Amino acid sequence: MVLLLSVQEYLLRHLPDYLLVLALLSSVVFLTLRRRGTRRSDVPIRRSYNITMGLRKMPFEDWIELDDQFPTYHSIKASRILSRGAQASTTNPTAYGAAMELLEHLVDYLPARYPSLYTRTGTGMRNTYTGETFDITATPLGEDPMQMAARMVQDDLAIMMEGKDGQYYLQAGSILLAGFWRLGDKLGMPLDEIHTSGDVPGYREKLSKGMNNFFGRVMSGGPVVRNNYFMQADDCLAWSHSIGPEDGEQIGWHTSEANKGIEHYHFRSERQTLRRLPRSGGVVFTIRTYFLPITEMAKEPYVPGRLASAIRSWGDDVAKYKGRDRWQDVLLAYLDKEHERQMAEGLEPEKEEYVYPY
């Protein structure tokens, strides 16, 4: 107890308030990275599907999530930085200051949040697992700042900057594990065009005005988080080759083989956070992908029934966007069978609402 109090006293005297919380949490809880699992907060499935922004307030200490899959994600991202280069990870000049500010925030945050993986240095930080040293003070920087940031976390990253017309434009990104979209197709686009060019269901009718208003005031009340999910008909985290080759002109669910064996299907969930960078004014997205076989997902209590119900509730536009006609026969039959099995084994339907936060 005396030792704990002395640590707390040291932190109180030497750390800014926002890092104090992280350091105290890290010293007690984050001795090792958590094991990946189908945590309920990673399974954003409501029984009925509604088109909303779905934003929730987020404690700052929850900004970046790392788990025991870090080595796998890091290896894939490092390989794709080499193979894809600026096609997938780059910074436009208008966002360079914001990208450097993002690096500063990551170097402050990660060693405090995950001291078993990162340690501070005089010029940045060191990854104790990979041995990488990140020097964010070098002039010029050793690589594009978004590429450097990508090596630090499991998330994809994007920065939106306000233009002279008041719209927000995608001006920097490291989109290495997106599965279904390419940075080169969206870089430089305003917020509305990013979504309409991707045929996001209900965007014009239900989301556009709210999204643009939100970006004008984003982060005045702190960072926020949202989740979404997709089905994928292959096991590739970085790019879903079942919708076509990554460099192909025509990509989409129409190219995918219909109703493959259940072992091919994966659940791809994205945890997206948004926060404003105070110095540059840029808005940074983190996009953390959780990627699990449907057969593994369906072992989680209540998931088969919830997911089947959600899929059946989709409107035609959402169903087309998510490729339902290419996999629904196999997937729904499997989920229904697993739901029936869980019920037969004693799962209590009346307790479901207390188990899931969504």
Protein backbone atom coordinates (compact mmCIF):
# COMPACT_ATOMS: atom_id res chain seq x y z
CA MET A 1 0.00 0.00 0.00
CA VAL A 2 2.84 2.40 0.80
CA LEU A 3 4.39 1.68 -2.59
CA LEU A 4 1.09 2.29 -4.39
CA LEU A 5 0.61 5.62 -2.64
CA SER A 6 4.12 6.71 -3.53
CA VAL A 7 3.48 5.90 -7.18
CA GLN A 8 0.24 7.86 -7.10
CA GLU A 9 1.98 10.84 -5.51
CA TYR A 10 4.67 10.76 -8.20
CA LEU A 11 2.06 10.65 -10.96
CA LEU A 12 0.09 13.50 -9.45
CA ARG A 13 3.18 15.69 -9.46
CA HIS A 14 4.61 14.76 -12.85
CA LEU A 15 1.83 13.82 -15.29
CA PRO A 16 -0.85 15.92 -17.02
CA ASP A 17 -4.39 15.07 -15.90
CA TYR A 18 -5.36 13.12 -19.02
CA LEU A 19 -2.27 10.90 -18.76
CA LEU A 20 -2.70 10.41 -15.03
CA VAL A 21 -5.86 8.36 -15.55
CA LEU A 22 -4.14 6.22 -18.18
CA ALA A 23 -1.08 5.56 -16.06
CA LEU A 24 -3.10 4.51 -13.04
CA LEU A 25 -5.22 2.18 -15.17
CA SER A 26 -2.18 0.75 -16.89
CA SER A 27 -0.31 0.05 -13.66
CA VAL A 28 -3.21 -1.99 -12.31
CA VAL A 29 -5.03 -3.53 -15.27
CA PHE A 30 -2.99 -3.57 -18.46
CA LEU A 31 -0.06 -5.70 -17.36
CA THR A 32 -0.48 -7.75 -20.57
CA LEU A 33 -2.51 -7.22 -23.71
CA ARG A 34 -5.98 -8.69 -23.48
CA ARG A 35 -6.85 -11.89 -25.30
CA ARG A 36 -8.94 -11.39 -28.39
CA GLY A 37 -12.46 -12.62 -28.02
CA THR A 38 -16.02 -11.94 -29.07
CA ARG A 39 -16.47 -9.28 -26.39
CA ARG A 40 -20.00 -7.95 -26.39
CA SER A 41 -18.71 -4.43 -27.06
CA ASP A 42 -17.10 -5.82 -30.24
CA VAL A 43 -20.40 -7.35 -31.43
CA PRO A 44 -22.59 -4.35 -32.33
CA ILE A 45 -25.69 -6.35 -33.25
CA ARG A 46 -29.19 -5.13 -32.52
CA ARG A 47 -32.07 -7.44 -33.37
CA SER A 48 -33.53 -4.76 -35.65
CA TYR A 49 -31.41 -2.59 -37.92
CA ASN A 50 -31.81 1.19 -38.04
CA ILE A 51 -29.83 3.68 -40.12
CA THR A 52 -28.33 6.16 -37.65
CA MET A 53 -24.92 7.68 -36.94
CA GLY A 54 -24.85 5.56 -33.78
CA LEU A 55 -22.37 7.82 -31.96
CA ARG A 56 -21.67 7.31 -28.27
CA LYS A 57 -19.44 9.23 -25.87
CA MET A 58 -16.14 7.52 -25.19
CA PRO A 59 -13.76 7.83 -22.21
CA PHE A 60 -10.41 9.06 -23.48
CA GLU A 61 -8.60 6.07 -21.98
CA ASP A 62 -10.54 3.83 -24.41
CA TRP A 63 -9.24 5.62 -27.52
CA ILE A 64 -6.95 2.85 -28.82
CA GLU A 65 -7.62 -0.86 -28.28
CA LEU A 66 -4.77 -3.35 -28.58
CA ASP A 67 -5.00 -7.10 -28.02
CA ASP A 68 -3.00 -10.29 -28.45
CA GLN A 69 -3.54 -10.13 -32.22
CA PHE A 70 -1.18 -7.13 -32.40
CA PRO A 71 1.71 -9.18 -33.92
CA THR A 72 -0.53 -10.44 -36.74
CA TYR A 73 -2.01 -7.03 -37.51
CA HIS A 74 1.40 -5.36 -37.31
CA SER A 75 2.96 -7.86 -39.71
CA ILE A 76 0.18 -7.47 -42.27
CA LYS A 77 0.29 -3.68 -42.07
CA ALA A 78 4.08 -3.54 -42.40
CA SER A 79 3.91 -5.79 -45.46
CA ARG A 80 1.21 -3.67 -47.06
CA ILE A 81 3.08 -0.43 -46.40
CA LEU A 82 5.87 -1.93 -48.50
CA SER A 83 3.65 -3.38 -51.22
CA ARG A 84 0.96 -0.69 -51.49
CA GLY A 85 2.92 2.42 -50.46
CA ALA A 86 1.14 5.72 -50.97
CA GLN A 87 -1.86 3.95 -52.51
CA ALA A 88 -2.87 2.91 -49.01
CA SER A 89 -0.98 5.19 -46.62
CA THR A 90 -0.21 8.83 -47.36
CA THR A 91 -0.54 12.45 -46.21
CA ASN A 92 -1.55 15.39 -48.37
CA PRO A 93 0.37 18.62 -47.60
CA THR A 94 -2.68 20.29 -46.06
CA ALA A 95 -2.84 17.56 -43.40
CA TYR A 96 0.87 17.18 -42.63
CA GLY A 97 0.69 19.21 -39.43
CA ALA A 98 -2.33 17.22 -38.28
CA ALA A 99 -0.57 13.93 -39.02
CA MET A 100 2.42 15.04 -36.94
CA GLU A 101 0.06 16.07 -34.16
CA LEU A 102 -1.49 12.60 -34.30
CA LEU A 103 1.96 11.07 -33.82
CA GLU A 104 2.51 13.25 -30.76
CA HIS A 105 -0.77 12.09 -29.25
CA LEU A 106 0.00 8.42 -29.93
CA VAL A 107 3.45 8.76 -28.37
CA ASP A 108 1.85 10.29 -25.26
CA TYR A 109 -1.01 7.81 -25.10
CA LEU A 110 0.39 4.38 -25.93
CA PRO A 111 3.19 4.07 -23.33
CA ALA A 112 0.78 5.25 -20.63
CA ARG A 113 -2.02 2.93 -21.73
CA TYR A 114 0.07 -0.10 -22.70
CA PRO A 115 3.35 0.05 -20.78
CA SER A 116 4.03 -3.65 -21.42
CA LEU A 117 4.31 -2.90 -25.14
CA TYR A 118 5.55 0.71 -25.41
CA THR A 119 8.15 2.77 -23.56
CA ARG A 120 8.87 6.49 -23.96
CA THR A 121 12.18 7.71 -25.35
CA GLY A 122 13.64 11.18 -25.61
CA THR A 123 12.48 11.47 -29.23
CA GLY A 124 9.33 9.36 -29.24
CA MET A 125 8.82 5.78 -28.10
CA ARG A 126 9.97 2.20 -28.53
CA ASN A 127 7.94 -0.93 -29.21
CA THR A 128 9.32 -3.56 -26.83
CA TYR A 129 7.87 -6.43 -28.89
CA THR A 130 9.13 -5.49 -32.37
CA GLY A 131 12.14 -3.45 -31.27
CA GLU A 132 11.02 -0.55 -33.46
CA THR A 133 11.99 2.92 -32.32
CA PHE A 134 9.76 5.78 -33.43
CA ASP A 135 11.56 9.13 -33.66
CA ILE A 136 8.95 11.81 -34.22
CA THR A 137 11.45 14.68 -33.90
CA ALA A 138 13.61 13.89 -36.94
CA THR A 139 13.67 16.41 -39.79
CA PRO A 140 12.74 15.13 -42.23
CA LEU A 141 10.73 12.34 -40.65
CA GLY A 142 11.95 8.87 -41.59
CA GLU A 143 8.71 8.06 -43.45
CA ASP A 144 5.27 9.46 -44.13
CA PRO A 145 3.71 10.28 -40.74
CA MET A 146 0.60 8.20 -41.47
CA GLN A 147 2.77 5.20 -42.28
CA MET A 148 4.61 5.66 -39.00
CA ALA A 149 1.33 5.97 -37.10
CA ALA A 150 0.05 2.82 -38.79
CA ARG A 151 2.90 0.78 -37.33
CA MET A 152 1.96 1.83 -33.80
CA VAL A 153 -1.62 0.53 -33.63
CA GLN A 154 -3.94 -2.14 -34.99
CA ASP A 155 -6.34 0.50 -36.35
CA ASP A 156 -6.58 2.03 -39.76
CA LEU A 157 -6.37 5.83 -39.50
CA ALA A 158 -7.82 8.79 -41.38
CA ILE A 159 -7.70 12.57 -40.95
CA MET A 160 -10.38 14.97 -42.20
CA MET A 161 -9.48 18.65 -42.61
CA GLU A 162 -11.86 21.56 -42.96
CA GLY A 163 -11.70 23.29 -46.34
CA LYS A 164 -12.33 26.95 -47.13
CA ASP A 165 -15.90 26.02 -48.05
CA GLY A 166 -16.57 24.67 -44.55
CA GLN A 167 -16.68 21.05 -45.71
CA TYR A 168 -14.38 18.37 -44.30
CA TYR A 169 -12.06 16.56 -46.71
CA LEU A 170 -10.13 13.32 -46.36
CA GLN A 171 -6.55 14.58 -46.54
CA ALA A 172 -4.52 11.84 -44.85
CA GLY A 173 -4.96 8.17 -44.20
CA SER A 174 -3.45 4.80 -43.58
CA ILE A 175 -6.09 2.39 -44.85
CA LEU A 176 -4.35 -0.97 -44.85
CA LEU A 177 -6.98 -3.38 -43.48
CA ALA A 178 -10.24 -1.97 -44.81
CA GLY A 179 -11.35 -5.09 -46.66
CA PHE A 180 -13.78 -3.37 -49.03
CA TRP A 181 -12.49 0.12 -49.93
CA ARG A 182 -9.30 1.82 -51.09
CA LEU A 183 -7.76 5.06 -49.86
CA GLY A 184 -6.84 6.12 -53.39
CA ASP A 185 -10.52 6.16 -54.38
CA LYS A 186 -11.47 8.54 -51.55
CA LEU A 187 -8.43 10.74 -50.84
CA GLY A 188 -9.24 14.43 -51.25
CA MET A 189 -13.01 13.87 -51.26
CA PRO A 190 -15.41 15.81 -49.02
CA LEU A 191 -17.38 13.92 -46.39
CA ASP A 192 -20.60 13.67 -48.40
CA GLU A 193 -18.91 12.39 -51.55
CA ILE A 194 -17.01 9.73 -49.60
CA HIS A 195 -20.32 8.25 -48.54
CA THR A 196 -22.38 8.81 -51.69
CA SER A 197 -19.65 7.45 -53.96
CA GLY A 198 -19.75 4.28 -51.88
CA ASP A 199 -23.55 4.07 -52.06
CA VAL A 200 -23.91 4.06 -48.28
CA PRO A 201 -27.59 3.25 -47.63
CA GLY A 202 -29.73 6.13 -46.40
CA TYR A 203 -26.86 8.60 -46.32
CA ARG A 204 -28.51 11.39 -48.33
CA GLU A 205 -31.89 10.99 -46.65
CA LYS A 206 -30.94 10.28 -43.04
CA LEU A 207 -27.30 10.97 -42.34
CA SER A 208 -25.82 13.76 -44.47
CA LYS A 209 -27.17 16.78 -42.58
CA GLY A 210 -26.44 15.29 -39.17
CA MET A 211 -22.93 14.22 -40.15
CA ASN A 212 -21.98 17.64 -41.51
CA ASN A 213 -23.43 19.43 -38.48
CA PHE A 214 -21.60 17.03 -36.19
CA PHE A 215 -18.25 17.63 -37.85
CA GLY A 216 -18.66 21.35 -37.30
CA ARG A 217 -18.78 20.83 -33.55
CA VAL A 218 -17.06 17.44 -33.20
CA MET A 219 -15.12 16.82 -30.02
CA SER A 220 -16.25 19.90 -28.15
CA GLY A 221 -17.69 17.40 -25.70
CA GLY A 222 -14.93 14.82 -26.03
CA PRO A 223 -14.22 11.85 -28.31
CA VAL A 224 -16.95 9.54 -29.59
CA VAL A 225 -17.20 5.97 -30.82
CA ARG A 226 -19.46 4.02 -33.19
CA ASN A 227 -19.59 0.48 -34.53
CA ASN A 228 -20.70 -1.26 -37.70
CA TYR A 229 -20.44 -4.73 -39.15
CA PHE A 230 -20.32 -6.67 -42.42
CA MET A 231 -20.17 -10.25 -43.63
CA GLN A 232 -17.17 -11.36 -45.64
CA ALA A 233 -16.94 -14.44 -47.87
CA ASP A 234 -13.21 -15.12 -47.38
CA ASP A 235 -10.60 -15.08 -44.63
CA CYS A 236 -8.41 -12.16 -45.75
CA LEU A 237 -8.28 -9.34 -43.20
CA ALA A 238 -6.61 -6.77 -45.46
CA TRP A 239 -8.63 -7.08 -48.67
CA SER A 240 -11.70 -9.21 -49.37
CA HIS A 241 -10.63 -10.90 -52.59
CA SER A 242 -14.11 -12.44 -52.93
CA ILE A 243 -15.40 -9.05 -54.18
CA GLY A 244 -12.67 -8.78 -56.82
CA PRO A 245 -8.95 -8.01 -57.06
CA GLU A 246 -7.75 -5.02 -55.05
CA ASP A 247 -6.53 -3.21 -58.15
CA GLY A 248 -9.52 -4.17 -60.28
CA GLU A 249 -11.83 -1.61 -61.86
CA GLN A 250 -14.99 -3.53 -61.00
CA ILE A 251 -15.26 -4.61 -57.39
CA GLY A 252 -18.36 -5.52 -55.45
CA TRP A 253 -20.55 -8.29 -54.13
CA HIS A 254 -21.79 -9.03 -57.66
CA THR A 255 -18.44 -10.74 -58.32
CA SER A 256 -18.70 -13.01 -55.27
CA GLU A 257 -19.60 -16.69 -55.48
CA ALA A 258 -23.02 -17.22 -53.92
CA ASN A 259 -23.70 -19.38 -50.87
CA LYS A 260 -20.31 -20.91 -50.26
CA GLY A 261 -19.71 -23.29 -47.36
CA ILE A 262 -20.24 -21.75 -43.93
CA GLU A 263 -16.52 -22.12 -43.16
CA HIS A 264 -15.76 -19.35 -45.68
CA TYR A 265 -17.83 -16.64 -43.96
CA HIS A 266 -16.41 -14.15 -41.49
CA PHE A 267 -17.88 -11.41 -39.33
CA ARG A 268 -16.08 -8.08 -39.79
CA SER A 269 -16.84 -5.48 -37.14
CA GLU A 270 -15.40 -1.97 -37.11
CA ARG A 271 -14.94 0.11 -33.98
CA GLN A 272 -14.57 3.70 -35.20
CA THR A 273 -13.54 6.56 -32.93
CA LEU A 274 -13.55 10.27 -33.78
CA ARG A 275 -11.73 13.06 -31.99
CA ARG A 276 -10.52 16.52 -32.86
CA LEU A 277 -6.83 17.30 -32.82
CA PRO A 278 -6.76 20.55 -30.83
CA ARG A 279 -3.80 22.29 -32.49
CA SER A 280 -4.49 21.58 -36.17
CA GLY A 281 -8.27 21.25 -35.95
CA GLY A 282 -8.19 18.01 -37.92
CA VAL A 283 -10.64 15.24 -37.08
CA VAL A 284 -8.96 11.88 -36.71
CA PHE A 285 -10.75 8.59 -37.30
CA THR A 286 -9.44 5.35 -35.90
CA ILE A 287 -10.94 2.25 -37.51
CA ARG A 288 -10.26 -0.92 -35.56
CA THR A 289 -11.37 -4.10 -37.32
CA TYR A 290 -12.36 -7.24 -35.44
CA PHE A 291 -12.44 -10.25 -37.75
CA LEU A 292 -13.76 -13.66 -36.74
CA PRO A 293 -15.17 -16.75 -38.48
CA ILE A 294 -18.94 -16.92 -38.26
CA THR A 295 -18.55 -20.41 -36.78
CA GLU A 296 -16.59 -18.88 -33.89
CA MET A 297 -18.94 -15.92 -33.49
CA ALA A 298 -21.93 -18.25 -33.24
CA LYS A 299 -20.52 -19.84 -30.09
CA GLU A 300 -21.16 -16.62 -28.16
CA PRO A 301 -24.45 -16.74 -26.22
CA TYR A 302 -27.36 -15.02 -28.02
CA VAL A 303 -25.27 -14.04 -31.07
CA PRO A 304 -26.82 -16.48 -33.60
CA GLY A 305 -30.36 -15.34 -32.84
CA ARG A 306 -29.48 -11.65 -32.67
CA LEU A 307 -27.51 -11.72 -35.91
CA ALA A 308 -30.16 -13.69 -37.83
CA SER A 309 -32.85 -11.28 -36.63
CA ALA A 310 -30.78 -8.25 -37.63
CA ILE A 311 -30.03 -9.61 -41.11
CA ARG A 312 -33.71 -10.31 -41.75
CA SER A 313 -34.60 -6.75 -40.66
CA TRP A 314 -32.42 -5.04 -43.28
CA GLY A 315 -34.18 -2.97 -45.90
CA ASP A 316 -33.49 -3.64 -49.57
CA ASP A 317 -30.83 -0.93 -49.82
CA VAL A 318 -28.90 -2.21 -46.80
CA ALA A 319 -29.22 -5.81 -47.99
CA LYS A 320 -27.78 -4.88 -51.39
CA TYR A 321 -24.95 -2.87 -49.82
CA LYS A 322 -23.98 -5.76 -47.54
CA GLY A 323 -24.35 -8.43 -50.24
CA ARG A 324 -27.08 -10.43 -48.50
CA ASP A 325 -28.26 -12.24 -51.61
CA ARG A 326 -24.79 -13.80 -52.02
CA TRP A 327 -24.75 -15.56 -48.64
CA GLN A 328 -28.13 -15.44 -46.90
CA ASP A 329 -29.28 -19.01 -47.66
CA VAL A 330 -26.23 -20.64 -46.08
CA LEU A 331 -25.67 -18.13 -43.29
CA LEU A 332 -29.23 -17.81 -42.03
CA ALA A 333 -29.75 -21.57 -42.01
CA TYR A 334 -26.60 -21.97 -39.94
CA LEU A 335 -27.47 -19.17 -37.51
CA ASP A 336 -31.00 -20.52 -37.02
CA LYS A 337 -29.62 -23.99 -36.24
CA GLU A 338 -27.11 -22.57 -33.74
CA HIS A 339 -29.78 -20.43 -32.10
CA GLU A 340 -32.03 -23.48 -31.68
CA ARG A 341 -29.12 -25.40 -30.18
CA GLN A 342 -28.44 -22.65 -27.64
CA MET A 343 -32.11 -22.54 -26.65
CA ALA A 344 -32.18 -26.32 -26.24
CA GLU A 345 -29.13 -26.11 -23.99
CA GLY A 346 -30.93 -23.76 -21.62
CA LEU A 347 -30.15 -20.22 -22.79
CA GLU A 348 -32.70 -17.88 -21.22
CA PRO A 349 -34.20 -15.40 -23.75
CA GLU A 350 -35.43 -13.04 -21.04
CA LYS A 351 -31.85 -12.36 -19.92
CA GLU A 352 -30.60 -11.26 -23.34
CA GLU A 353 -31.39 -7.58 -22.86
CA TYR A 354 -29.14 -7.49 -19.79
CA VAL A 355 -26.22 -9.09 -21.61
CA TYR A 356 -25.77 -6.87 -24.67
CA PRO A 357 -25.15 -3.12 -24.60
CA TYR A 358 -26.58 -2.45 -28.08
